Amino acid sequence: MATATRTTSSNTSMAPERSLNQRMDALARANQIRIKRAQLKRDLKSGRLSIHTLLLNPPEYVETAKVFDMLLAVPKYGRVKVNKILAHCRISPSKTIGGLSERQRSELVSLLRR
């Protein structure tokens, strides 16, 4: 019987090495985005910002945020209601705001305006 040997390549999808400065810059950018998103969620919760405005014209730092998480920040919208809305609009709960198609975006906004 022949035994199979595993071959390992040195190019197995490893991320490139980053310098300390690059890592610290990336961490600082990520922290700034987190701070801005937290403020945005507080604004949604207090009513200073409408979800319609956010969905129709999202700032750059919100593009990678989950639609589910942003909807949860709106008063009177809990997990069950948000899941029903997303299912009605055929939007995955893991979809990001930047990843919404025009159809999904307009359908979601029109449903939320009711």
Protein backbone atom coordinates (compact mmCIF):
# COMPACT_ATOMS: atom_id res chain seq x y z
CA MET A 1 0.00 0.00 0.00
CA ALA A 2 1.19 3.42 -0.89
CA THR A 3 0.70 6.15 1.63
CA ALA A 4 -0.41 9.54 0.51
CA THR A 5 1.80 12.39 1.51
CA ARG A 6 0.49 15.83 2.08
CA THR A 7 2.11 18.64 0.25
CA THR A 8 2.04 22.02 1.83
CA SER A 9 2.66 25.07 -0.21
CA SER A 10 4.20 28.17 1.21
CA ASN A 11 1.49 30.29 -0.47
CA THR A 12 -1.51 29.09 1.55
CA SER A 13 -3.50 32.34 1.58
CA MET A 14 -1.58 34.04 4.33
CA ALA A 15 -2.05 37.74 4.86
CA PRO A 16 0.98 39.83 4.07
CA GLU A 17 3.10 40.89 6.97
CA ARG A 18 2.29 44.39 8.17
CA SER A 19 4.64 46.74 9.89
CA LEU A 20 3.85 47.97 13.37
CA ASN A 21 2.94 51.41 11.97
CA GLN A 22 0.54 49.88 9.43
CA ARG A 23 -1.15 47.82 12.13
CA MET A 24 -1.46 50.80 14.46
CA ASP A 25 -2.91 52.96 11.65
CA ALA A 26 -5.46 50.27 10.82
CA LEU A 27 -6.39 49.97 14.49
CA ALA A 28 -6.82 53.74 14.80
CA ARG A 29 -9.06 53.82 11.68
CA ALA A 30 -11.15 50.93 13.00
CA ASN A 31 -11.56 52.63 16.38
CA GLN A 32 -12.66 55.90 14.71
CA ILE A 33 -15.27 53.99 12.69
CA ARG A 34 -16.55 52.28 15.86
CA ILE A 35 -16.85 55.62 17.64
CA LYS A 36 -18.75 57.19 14.71
CA ARG A 37 -21.09 54.19 14.44
CA ALA A 38 -21.81 54.26 18.17
CA GLN A 39 -22.73 57.96 17.90
CA LEU A 40 -24.89 57.21 14.87
CA LYS A 41 -26.77 54.50 16.80
CA ARG A 42 -27.33 56.95 19.68
CA ASP A 43 -28.67 59.50 17.18
CA LEU A 44 -31.02 56.90 15.69
CA LYS A 45 -32.24 55.91 19.13
CA SER A 46 -32.87 59.51 20.21
CA GLY A 47 -34.59 60.44 16.95
CA ARG A 48 -32.02 63.05 15.87
CA LEU A 49 -31.44 61.02 12.69
CA SER A 50 -33.98 59.07 10.67
CA ILE A 51 -33.29 55.56 9.40
CA HIS A 52 -34.65 56.65 6.00
CA THR A 53 -31.94 59.28 5.62
CA LEU A 54 -29.30 56.82 6.71
CA LEU A 55 -30.39 54.15 4.22
CA LEU A 56 -30.82 56.52 1.28
CA ASN A 57 -27.58 58.43 1.78
CA PRO A 58 -25.24 56.45 4.06
CA PRO A 59 -21.94 57.95 5.21
CA GLU A 60 -18.82 56.04 4.20
CA TYR A 61 -18.19 54.66 7.70
CA VAL A 62 -21.62 52.96 7.71
CA GLU A 63 -21.18 51.14 4.38
CA THR A 64 -19.80 48.02 6.09
CA ALA A 65 -22.29 48.03 8.99
CA LYS A 66 -25.02 45.38 9.04
CA VAL A 67 -28.52 46.57 8.13
CA PHE A 68 -29.84 44.40 10.98
CA ASP A 69 -27.71 46.23 13.57
CA MET A 70 -28.72 49.68 12.32
CA LEU A 71 -32.42 48.79 12.38
CA LEU A 72 -32.10 47.48 15.94
CA ALA A 73 -30.93 50.95 17.02
CA VAL A 74 -34.28 52.44 15.95
CA PRO A 75 -36.85 52.76 18.76
CA LYS A 76 -39.69 50.21 18.70
CA TYR A 77 -37.75 47.86 16.41
CA GLY A 78 -36.66 44.65 18.11
CA ARG A 79 -35.17 41.44 16.75
CA VAL A 80 -38.48 39.89 15.71
CA LYS A 81 -39.78 42.98 13.89
CA VAL A 82 -36.42 43.60 12.18
CA ASN A 83 -36.22 39.97 11.02
CA LYS A 84 -39.77 40.17 9.62
CA ILE A 85 -38.97 43.38 7.75
CA LEU A 86 -35.76 41.98 6.30
CA ALA A 87 -37.51 38.74 5.27
CA HIS A 88 -40.31 40.72 3.61
CA CYS A 89 -37.75 42.71 1.60
CA ARG A 90 -35.71 39.56 0.84
CA ILE A 91 -32.62 40.91 2.60
CA SER A 92 -30.22 38.66 4.47
CA PRO A 93 -29.68 39.64 8.13
CA SER A 94 -25.93 39.67 7.44
CA LYS A 95 -26.24 42.14 4.52
CA THR A 96 -24.29 45.35 4.90
CA ILE A 97 -25.72 48.77 4.15
CA GLY A 98 -23.23 49.23 1.33
CA GLY A 99 -24.18 45.85 -0.12
CA LEU A 100 -27.87 46.67 -0.56
CA SER A 101 -29.12 46.77 -4.13
CA GLU A 102 -31.24 49.72 -5.24
CA ARG A 103 -34.34 47.49 -5.16
CA GLN A 104 -33.61 46.33 -1.61
CA ARG A 105 -32.81 49.85 -0.45
CA SER A 106 -35.96 51.44 -1.91
CA GLU A 107 -38.21 48.56 -0.76
CA LEU A 108 -36.81 48.76 2.77
CA VAL A 109 -37.23 52.54 2.98
CA SER A 110 -40.81 52.42 1.66
CA LEU A 111 -41.69 49.66 4.14
CA LEU A 112 -40.17 51.61 7.06
CA ARG A 113 -42.11 54.77 6.11
CA ARG A 114 -45.47 53.05 6.66
